[in-house]
Amino acid sequence: MCPLRLVLVFLSAALAGFFAWKSIRSPPPSPISDGSREIGDSSIKGRIRGAGKVIENGFWVFVDMASGRYLWRAMKERLESIGCMIR
């Protein structure tokens, strides 16, 4: 496996994690600007659950990219779209 691929996947994951962390820690919208929603503990818990799901999906994307499975699926779909058979 190419070491550069691991470096790029790590940097991409670090950047995605940084933006996910910043969006989770951002202050919630002001209740004055949006009177139709209540801001409370339930919205914070929902954001934390959503962050957990993002981390889980990110882990599996990392595994797919590091193992080459992502490239194999992309190549397979492309060959199937032009009519080649892959076994």
PDB file of N, CA and C in Angstrom:
ATOM      1  N   MET A   1       0.836  -1.156   0.000  1.00  0.00           N
ATOM      2  CA  MET A   1       0.000   0.000   0.000  1.00  0.00           C
ATOM      3  C   MET A   1       0.897   1.241   0.000  1.00  0.00           C
ATOM      4  N   CYS A   2       0.475   2.217  -0.732  1.00  0.00           N
ATOM      5  CA  CYS A   2       1.257   3.437  -0.881  1.00  0.00           C
ATOM      6  C   CYS A   2       1.206   4.275   0.405  1.00  0.00           C
ATOM      7  N   PRO A   3       2.370   4.630   0.951  1.00  0.00           N
ATOM      8  CA  PRO A   3       2.368   5.416   2.187  1.00  0.00           C
ATOM      9  C   PRO A   3       1.764   6.808   2.005  1.00  0.00           C
ATOM     10  N   LEU A   4       1.862   7.358   0.809  1.00  0.00           N
ATOM     11  CA  LEU A   4       1.290   8.680   0.575  1.00  0.00           C
ATOM     12  C   LEU A   4      -0.231   8.650   0.733  1.00  0.00           C
ATOM     13  N   ARG A   5      -0.853   7.534   0.365  1.00  0.00           N
ATOM     14  CA  ARG A   5      -2.302   7.405   0.519  1.00  0.00           C
ATOM     15  C   ARG A   5      -2.671   7.500   1.999  1.00  0.00           C
ATOM     16  N   LEU A   6      -1.877   6.851   2.866  1.00  0.00           N
ATOM     17  CA  LEU A   6      -2.158   6.917   4.295  1.00  0.00           C
ATOM     18  C   LEU A   6      -2.005   8.339   4.821  1.00  0.00           C
ATOM     19  N   VAL A   7      -0.996   9.045   4.349  1.00  0.00           N
ATOM     20  CA  VAL A   7      -0.784  10.427   4.785  1.00  0.00           C
ATOM     21  C   VAL A   7      -1.957  11.295   4.346  1.00  0.00           C
ATOM     22  N   LEU A   8      -2.387  11.154   3.099  1.00  0.00           N
ATOM     23  CA  LEU A   8      -3.503  11.958   2.597  1.00  0.00           C
ATOM     24  C   LEU A   8      -4.812  11.633   3.307  1.00  0.00           C
ATOM     25  N   VAL A   9      -5.050  10.352   3.566  1.00  0.00           N
ATOM     26  CA  VAL A   9      -6.265   9.965   4.281  1.00  0.00           C
ATOM     27  C   VAL A   9      -6.230  10.521   5.698  1.00  0.00           C
ATOM     28  N   PHE A  10      -5.072  10.456   6.351  1.00  0.00           N
ATOM     29  CA  PHE A  10      -4.954  10.996   7.702  1.00  0.00           C
ATOM     30  C   PHE A  10      -5.206  12.501   7.715  1.00  0.00           C
ATOM     31  N   LEU A  11      -4.602  13.223   6.779  1.00  0.00           N
ATOM     32  CA  LEU A  11      -4.800  14.672   6.731  1.00  0.00           C
ATOM     33  C   LEU A  11      -6.254  15.026   6.435  1.00  0.00           C
ATOM     34  N   SER A  12      -6.884  14.287   5.533  1.00  0.00           N
ATOM     35  CA  SER A  12      -8.293  14.536   5.224  1.00  0.00           C
ATOM     36  C   SER A  12      -9.174  14.270   6.438  1.00  0.00           C
ATOM     37  N   ALA A  13      -8.885  13.180   7.141  1.00  0.00           N
ATOM     38  CA  ALA A  13      -9.675  12.857   8.329  1.00  0.00           C
ATOM     39  C   ALA A  13      -9.462  13.904   9.421  1.00  0.00           C
ATOM     40  N   ALA A  14      -8.235  14.368   9.569  1.00  0.00           N
ATOM     41  CA  ALA A  14      -7.954  15.393  10.578  1.00  0.00           C
ATOM     42  C   ALA A  14      -8.701  16.690  10.245  1.00  0.00           C
ATOM     43  N   LEU A  15      -8.702  17.072   8.993  1.00  0.00           N
ATOM     44  CA  LEU A  15      -9.396  18.289   8.574  1.00  0.00           C
ATOM     45  C   LEU A  15     -10.905  18.145   8.763  1.00  0.00           C
ATOM     46  N   ALA A  16     -11.457  16.996   8.378  1.00  0.00           N
ATOM     47  CA  ALA A  16     -12.892  16.758   8.563  1.00  0.00           C
ATOM     48  C   ALA A  16     -13.250  16.745  10.047  1.00  0.00           C
ATOM     49  N   GLY A  17     -12.401  16.138  10.866  1.00  0.00           N
ATOM     50  CA  GLY A  17     -12.637  16.123  12.310  1.00  0.00           C
ATOM     51  C   GLY A  17     -12.607  17.513  12.904  1.00  0.00           C
ATOM     52  N   PHE A  18     -11.685  18.336  12.427  1.00  0.00           N
ATOM     53  CA  PHE A  18     -11.594  19.712  12.908  1.00  0.00           C
ATOM     54  C   PHE A  18     -12.884  20.474  12.614  1.00  0.00           C
ATOM     55  N   PHE A  19     -13.380  20.380  11.385  1.00  0.00           N
ATOM     56  CA  PHE A  19     -14.603  21.088  11.035  1.00  0.00           C
ATOM     57  C   PHE A  19     -15.817  20.518  11.765  1.00  0.00           C
ATOM     58  N   ALA A  20     -15.849  19.202  11.979  1.00  0.00           N
ATOM     59  CA  ALA A  20     -16.947  18.608  12.734  1.00  0.00           C
ATOM     60  C   ALA A  20     -16.915  19.108  14.180  1.00  0.00           C
ATOM     61  N   TRP A  21     -15.737  19.154  14.758  1.00  0.00           N
ATOM     62  CA  TRP A  21     -15.590  19.624  16.133  1.00  0.00           C
ATOM     63  C   TRP A  21     -16.011  21.091  16.251  1.00  0.00           C
ATOM     64  N   LYS A  22     -15.608  21.900  15.281  1.00  0.00           N
ATOM     65  CA  LYS A  22     -15.966  23.320  15.322  1.00  0.00           C
ATOM     66  C   LYS A  22     -17.481  23.501  15.187  1.00  0.00           C
ATOM     67  N   SER A  23     -18.128  22.687  14.354  1.00  0.00           N
ATOM     68  CA  SER A  23     -19.572  22.840  14.176  1.00  0.00           C
ATOM     69  C   SER A  23     -20.335  22.355  15.404  1.00  0.00           C
ATOM     70  N   ILE A  24     -19.815  21.360  16.108  1.00  0.00           N
ATOM     71  CA  ILE A  24     -20.474  20.878  17.321  1.00  0.00           C
ATOM     72  C   ILE A  24     -20.334  21.910  18.436  1.00  0.00           C
ATOM     73  N   ARG A  25     -19.162  22.510  18.527  1.00  0.00           N
ATOM     74  CA  ARG A  25     -18.898  23.450  19.614  1.00  0.00           C
ATOM     75  C   ARG A  25     -19.391  24.860  19.314  1.00  0.00           C
ATOM     76  N   SER A  26     -19.931  25.087  18.129  1.00  0.00           N
ATOM     77  CA  SER A  26     -20.432  26.421  17.807  1.00  0.00           C
ATOM     78  C   SER A  26     -21.659  26.720  18.661  1.00  0.00           C
ATOM     79  N   PRO A  27     -21.876  27.978  18.994  1.00  0.00           N
ATOM     80  CA  PRO A  27     -23.032  28.311  19.831  1.00  0.00           C
ATOM     81  C   PRO A  27     -24.332  28.055  19.066  1.00  0.00           C
ATOM     82  N   PRO A  28     -25.355  27.627  19.785  1.00  0.00           N
ATOM     83  CA  PRO A  28     -26.635  27.385  19.113  1.00  0.00           C
ATOM     84  C   PRO A  28     -27.235  28.700  18.633  1.00  0.00           C
ATOM     85  N   PRO A  29     -28.143  28.635  17.663  1.00  0.00           N
ATOM     86  CA  PRO A  29     -28.775  29.856  17.179  1.00  0.00           C
ATOM     87  C   PRO A  29     -29.553  30.554  18.289  1.00  0.00           C
ATOM     88  N   SER A  30     -29.648  31.836  18.190  1.00  0.00           N
ATOM     89  CA  SER A  30     -30.343  32.635  19.194  1.00  0.00           C
ATOM     90  C   SER A  30     -31.837  32.346  19.151  1.00  0.00           C
ATOM     91  N   PRO A  31     -32.472  32.157  20.315  1.00  0.00           N
ATOM     92  CA  PRO A  31     -33.915  31.913  20.316  1.00  0.00           C
ATOM     93  C   PRO A  31     -34.710  33.129  19.845  1.00  0.00           C
ATOM     94  N   ILE A  32     -34.095  34.290  19.893  1.00  0.00           N
ATOM     95  CA  ILE A  32     -34.792  35.494  19.444  1.00  0.00           C
ATOM     96  C   ILE A  32     -34.962  35.483  17.927  1.00  0.00           C
ATOM     97  N   SER A  33     -33.934  35.006  17.205  1.00  0.00           N
ATOM     98  CA  SER A  33     -34.012  35.007  15.749  1.00  0.00           C
ATOM     99  C   SER A  33     -34.937  33.932  15.207  1.00  0.00           C
ATOM    100  N   ASP A  34     -35.145  32.851  15.974  1.00  0.00           N
ATOM    101  CA  ASP A  34     -36.005  31.760  15.521  1.00  0.00           C
ATOM    102  C   ASP A  34     -36.936  31.367  16.654  1.00  0.00           C
ATOM    103  N   GLY A  35     -38.118  31.941  16.686  1.00  0.00           N
ATOM    104  CA  GLY A  35     -39.051  31.696  17.771  1.00  0.00           C
ATOM    105  C   GLY A  35     -39.771  30.374  17.665  1.00  0.00           C
ATOM    106  N   SER A  36     -39.651  29.681  16.558  1.00  0.00           N
ATOM    107  CA  SER A  36     -40.392  28.443  16.369  1.00  0.00           C
ATOM    108  C   SER A  36     -39.712  27.237  17.004  1.00  0.00           C
ATOM    109  N   ARG A  37     -38.457  27.366  17.413  1.00  0.00           N
ATOM    110  CA  ARG A  37     -37.718  26.238  17.998  1.00  0.00           C
ATOM    111  C   ARG A  37     -37.322  26.564  19.429  1.00  0.00           C
ATOM    112  N   GLU A  38     -37.306  25.540  20.261  1.00  0.00           N
ATOM    113  CA  GLU A  38     -36.784  25.709  21.603  1.00  0.00           C
ATOM    114  C   GLU A  38     -35.386  25.128  21.639  1.00  0.00           C
ATOM    115  N   ILE A  39     -34.494  25.836  22.279  1.00  0.00           N
ATOM    116  CA  ILE A  39     -33.128  25.363  22.441  1.00  0.00           C
ATOM    117  C   ILE A  39     -33.016  24.794  23.843  1.00  0.00           C
ATOM    118  N   GLY A  40     -32.541  23.560  23.961  1.00  0.00           N
ATOM    119  CA  GLY A  40     -32.417  22.954  25.281  1.00  0.00           C
ATOM    120  C   GLY A  40     -31.430  21.814  25.259  1.00  0.00           C
ATOM    121  N   ASP A  41     -31.498  21.000  26.303  1.00  0.00           N
ATOM    122  CA  ASP A  41     -30.590  19.865  26.416  1.00  0.00           C
ATOM    123  C   ASP A  41     -30.803  18.848  25.314  1.00  0.00           C
ATOM    124  N   SER A  42     -32.047  18.705  24.841  1.00  0.00           N
ATOM    125  CA  SER A  42     -32.319  17.703  23.811  1.00  0.00           C
ATOM    126  C   SER A  42     -31.580  18.024  22.520  1.00  0.00           C
ATOM    127  N   SER A  43     -31.442  19.307  22.180  1.00  0.00           N
ATOM    128  CA  SER A  43     -30.728  19.639  20.948  1.00  0.00           C
ATOM    129  C   SER A  43     -29.234  19.361  21.098  1.00  0.00           C
ATOM    130  N   ILE A  44     -28.692  19.560  22.286  1.00  0.00           N
ATOM    131  CA  ILE A  44     -27.271  19.266  22.513  1.00  0.00           C
ATOM    132  C   ILE A  44     -27.033  17.769  22.434  1.00  0.00           C
ATOM    133  N   LYS A  45     -27.914  16.986  23.050  1.00  0.00           N
ATOM    134  CA  LYS A  45     -27.775  15.525  22.990  1.00  0.00           C
ATOM    135  C   LYS A  45     -27.896  15.026  21.555  1.00  0.00           C
ATOM    136  N   GLY A  46     -28.797  15.625  20.797  1.00  0.00           N
ATOM    137  CA  GLY A  46     -28.943  15.240  19.393  1.00  0.00           C
ATOM    138  C   GLY A  46     -27.693  15.557  18.586  1.00  0.00           C
ATOM    139  N   ARG A  47     -27.077  16.689  18.874  1.00  0.00           N
ATOM    140  CA  ARG A  47     -25.842  17.056  18.174  1.00  0.00           C
ATOM    141  C   ARG A  47     -24.714  16.098  18.530  1.00  0.00           C
ATOM    142  N   ILE A  48     -24.655  15.675  19.799  1.00  0.00           N
ATOM    143  CA  ILE A  48     -23.610  14.738  20.217  1.00  0.00           C
ATOM    144  C   ILE A  48     -23.828  13.385  19.550  1.00  0.00           C
ATOM    145  N   ARG A  49     -25.092  12.928  19.494  1.00  0.00           N
ATOM    146  CA  ARG A  49     -25.378  11.669  18.800  1.00  0.00           C
ATOM    147  C   ARG A  49     -25.005  11.763  17.322  1.00  0.00           C
ATOM    148  N   GLY A  50     -25.335  12.900  16.716  1.00  0.00           N
ATOM    149  CA  GLY A  50     -24.991  13.106  15.309  1.00  0.00           C
ATOM    150  C   GLY A  50     -23.487  13.105  15.102  1.00  0.00           C
ATOM    151  N   ALA A  51     -22.751  13.669  16.050  1.00  0.00           N
ATOM    152  CA  ALA A  51     -21.288  13.679  15.950  1.00  0.00           C
ATOM    153  C   ALA A  51     -20.743  12.264  16.051  1.00  0.00           C
ATOM    154  N   GLY A  52     -21.335  11.455  16.908  1.00  0.00           N
ATOM    155  CA  GLY A  52     -20.902  10.061  17.019  1.00  0.00           C
ATOM    156  C   GLY A  52     -21.102   9.311  15.711  1.00  0.00           C
ATOM    157  N   LYS A  53     -22.215   9.574  15.054  1.00  0.00           N
ATOM    158  CA  LYS A  53     -22.493   8.928  13.767  1.00  0.00           C
ATOM    159  C   LYS A  53     -21.509   9.394  12.702  1.00  0.00           C
ATOM    160  N   VAL A  54     -21.168  10.676  12.726  1.00  0.00           N
ATOM    161  CA  VAL A  54     -20.188  11.216  11.772  1.00  0.00           C
ATOM    162  C   VAL A  54     -18.827  10.566  11.990  1.00  0.00           C
ATOM    163  N   ILE A  55     -18.441  10.399  13.247  1.00  0.00           N
ATOM    164  CA  ILE A  55     -17.151   9.769  13.551  1.00  0.00           C
ATOM    165  C   ILE A  55     -17.153   8.317  13.090  1.00  0.00           C
ATOM    166  N   GLU A  56     -18.254   7.607  13.325  1.00  0.00           N
ATOM    167  CA  GLU A  56     -18.343   6.210  12.890  1.00  0.00           C
ATOM    168  C   GLU A  56     -18.253   6.096  11.368  1.00  0.00           C
ATOM    169  N   ASN A  57     -18.985   6.946  10.652  1.00  0.00           N
ATOM    170  CA  ASN A  57     -18.925   6.930   9.192  1.00  0.00           C
ATOM    171  C   ASN A  57     -17.532   7.297   8.701  1.00  0.00           C
ATOM    172  N   GLY A  58     -16.907   8.268   9.350  1.00  0.00           N
ATOM    173  CA  GLY A  58     -15.553   8.659   8.978  1.00  0.00           C
ATOM    174  C   GLY A  58     -14.563   7.527   9.155  1.00  0.00           C
ATOM    175  N   PHE A  59     -14.735   6.754  10.227  1.00  0.00           N
ATOM    176  CA  PHE A  59     -13.851   5.608  10.449  1.00  0.00           C
ATOM    177  C   PHE A  59     -13.966   4.609   9.311  1.00  0.00           C
ATOM    178  N   TRP A  60     -15.197   4.299   8.901  1.00  0.00           N
ATOM    179  CA  TRP A  60     -15.366   3.312   7.841  1.00  0.00           C
ATOM    180  C   TRP A  60     -14.892   3.841   6.492  1.00  0.00           C
ATOM    181  N   VAL A  61     -15.031   5.128   6.264  1.00  0.00           N
ATOM    182  CA  VAL A  61     -14.470   5.715   5.041  1.00  0.00           C
ATOM    183  C   VAL A  61     -12.960   5.589   5.056  1.00  0.00           C
ATOM    184  N   PHE A  62     -12.344   5.829   6.213  1.00  0.00           N
ATOM    185  CA  PHE A  62     -10.899   5.676   6.355  1.00  0.00           C
ATOM    186  C   PHE A  62     -10.476   4.244   6.050  1.00  0.00           C
ATOM    187  N   VAL A  63     -11.199   3.276   6.588  1.00  0.00           N
ATOM    188  CA  VAL A  63     -10.871   1.866   6.333  1.00  0.00           C
ATOM    189  C   VAL A  63     -11.006   1.556   4.847  1.00  0.00           C
ATOM    190  N   ASP A  64     -12.074   2.026   4.211  1.00  0.00           N
ATOM    191  CA  ASP A  64     -12.274   1.786   2.779  1.00  0.00           C
ATOM    192  C   ASP A  64     -11.151   2.395   1.955  1.00  0.00           C
ATOM    193  N   MET A  65     -10.757   3.612   2.282  1.00  0.00           N
ATOM    194  CA  MET A  65      -9.718   4.277   1.495  1.00  0.00           C
ATOM    195  C   MET A  65      -8.343   3.676   1.754  1.00  0.00           C
ATOM    196  N   ALA A  66      -8.069   3.321   2.993  1.00  0.00           N
ATOM    197  CA  ALA A  66      -6.758   2.759   3.320  1.00  0.00           C
ATOM    198  C   ALA A  66      -6.587   1.370   2.720  1.00  0.00           C
ATOM    199  N   SER A  67      -7.669   0.610   2.638  1.00  0.00           N
ATOM    200  CA  SER A  67      -7.570  -0.747   2.110  1.00  0.00           C
ATOM    201  C   SER A  67      -7.645  -0.795   0.589  1.00  0.00           C
ATOM    202  N   GLY A  68      -8.088   0.271  -0.045  1.00  0.00           N
ATOM    203  CA  GLY A  68      -8.210   0.274  -1.493  1.00  0.00           C
ATOM    204  C   GLY A  68      -9.586  -0.150  -1.974  1.00  0.00           C
ATOM    205  N   ARG A  69     -10.465  -0.475  -1.052  1.00  0.00           N
ATOM    206  CA  ARG A  69     -11.810  -0.908  -1.435  1.00  0.00           C
ATOM    207  C   ARG A  69     -12.558   0.197  -2.185  1.00  0.00           C
ATOM    208  N   TYR A  70     -12.347   1.453  -1.782  1.00  0.00           N
ATOM    209  CA  TYR A  70     -12.988   2.583  -2.452  1.00  0.00           C
ATOM    210  C   TYR A  70     -12.581   2.628  -3.925  1.00  0.00           C
ATOM    211  N   LEU A  71     -11.287   2.463  -4.190  1.00  0.00           N
ATOM    212  CA  LEU A  71     -10.810   2.479  -5.571  1.00  0.00           C
ATOM    213  C   LEU A  71     -11.372   1.312  -6.364  1.00  0.00           C
ATOM    214  N   TRP A  72     -11.443   0.141  -5.733  1.00  0.00           N
ATOM    215  CA  TRP A  72     -11.980  -1.038  -6.412  1.00  0.00           C
ATOM    216  C   TRP A  72     -13.445  -0.816  -6.790  1.00  0.00           C
ATOM    217  N   ARG A  73     -14.249  -0.276  -5.865  1.00  0.00           N
ATOM    218  CA  ARG A  73     -15.657  -0.029  -6.174  1.00  0.00           C
ATOM    219  C   ARG A  73     -15.819   1.014  -7.277  1.00  0.00           C
ATOM    220  N   ALA A  74     -15.005   2.066  -7.238  1.00  0.00           N
ATOM    221  CA  ALA A  74     -15.090   3.109  -8.258  1.00  0.00           C
ATOM    222  C   ALA A  74     -14.725   2.542  -9.623  1.00  0.00           C
ATOM    223  N   MET A  75     -13.668   1.719  -9.669  1.00  0.00           N
ATOM    224  CA  MET A  75     -13.252   1.126 -10.937  1.00  0.00           C
ATOM    225  C   MET A  75     -14.323   0.150 -11.439  1.00  0.00           C
ATOM    226  N   LYS A  76     -14.877  -0.630 -10.528  1.00  0.00           N
ATOM    227  CA  LYS A  76     -15.898  -1.607 -10.901  1.00  0.00           C
ATOM    228  C   LYS A  76     -17.138  -0.911 -11.473  1.00  0.00           C
ATOM    229  N   GLU A  77     -17.601   0.158 -10.827  1.00  0.00           N
ATOM    230  CA  GLU A  77     -18.762   0.889 -11.325  1.00  0.00           C
ATOM    231  C   GLU A  77     -18.486   1.503 -12.691  1.00  0.00           C
ATOM    232  N   ARG A  78     -17.289   2.016 -12.860  1.00  0.00           N
ATOM    233  CA  ARG A  78     -16.957   2.637 -14.144  1.00  0.00           C
ATOM    234  C   ARG A  78     -16.932   1.594 -15.264  1.00  0.00           C
ATOM    235  N   LEU A  79     -16.315   0.446 -14.995  1.00  0.00           N
ATOM    236  CA  LEU A  79     -16.279  -0.599 -16.008  1.00  0.00           C
ATOM    237  C   LEU A  79     -17.663  -1.146 -16.311  1.00  0.00           C
ATOM    238  N   GLU A  80     -18.504  -1.260 -15.301  1.00  0.00           N
ATOM    239  CA  GLU A  80     -19.874  -1.738 -15.539  1.00  0.00           C
ATOM    240  C   GLU A  80     -20.664  -0.709 -16.352  1.00  0.00           C
ATOM    241  N   SER A  81     -20.391   0.569 -16.154  1.00  0.00           N
ATOM    242  CA  SER A  81     -21.129   1.588 -16.895  1.00  0.00           C
ATOM    243  C   SER A  81     -20.753   1.598 -18.381  1.00  0.00           C
ATOM    244  N   ILE A  82     -19.543   1.145 -18.714  1.00  0.00           N
ATOM    245  CA  ILE A  82     -19.172   1.099 -20.129  1.00  0.00           C
ATOM    246  C   ILE A  82     -19.422  -0.280 -20.734  1.00  0.00           C
ATOM    247  N   GLY A  83     -19.919  -1.213 -19.908  1.00  0.00           N
ATOM    248  CA  GLY A  83     -20.329  -2.509 -20.445  1.00  0.00           C
ATOM    249  C   GLY A  83     -19.330  -3.624 -20.293  1.00  0.00           C
ATOM    250  N   CYS A  84     -18.272  -3.462 -19.539  1.00  0.00           N
ATOM    251  CA  CYS A  84     -17.313  -4.550 -19.315  1.00  0.00           C
ATOM    252  C   CYS A  84     -17.805  -5.414 -18.170  1.00  0.00           C
ATOM    253  N   MET A  85     -17.464  -6.694 -18.218  1.00  0.00           N
ATOM    254  CA  MET A  85     -17.860  -7.628 -17.170  1.00  0.00           C
ATOM    255  C   MET A  85     -16.680  -7.851 -16.242  1.00  0.00           C
ATOM    256  N   ILE A  86     -16.944  -7.793 -14.924  1.00  0.00           N
ATOM    257  CA  ILE A  86     -15.918  -8.059 -13.908  1.00  0.00           C
ATOM    258  C   ILE A  86     -16.389  -9.213 -13.049  1.00  0.00           C
ATOM    259  N   ARG A  87     -15.493 -10.112 -12.789  1.00  0.00           N
ATOM    260  CA  ARG A  87     -15.841 -11.243 -11.899  1.00  0.00           C
ATOM    261  C   ARG A  87     -15.043 -11.172 -10.662  1.00  0.00           C
TER     262      ARG A  87
END
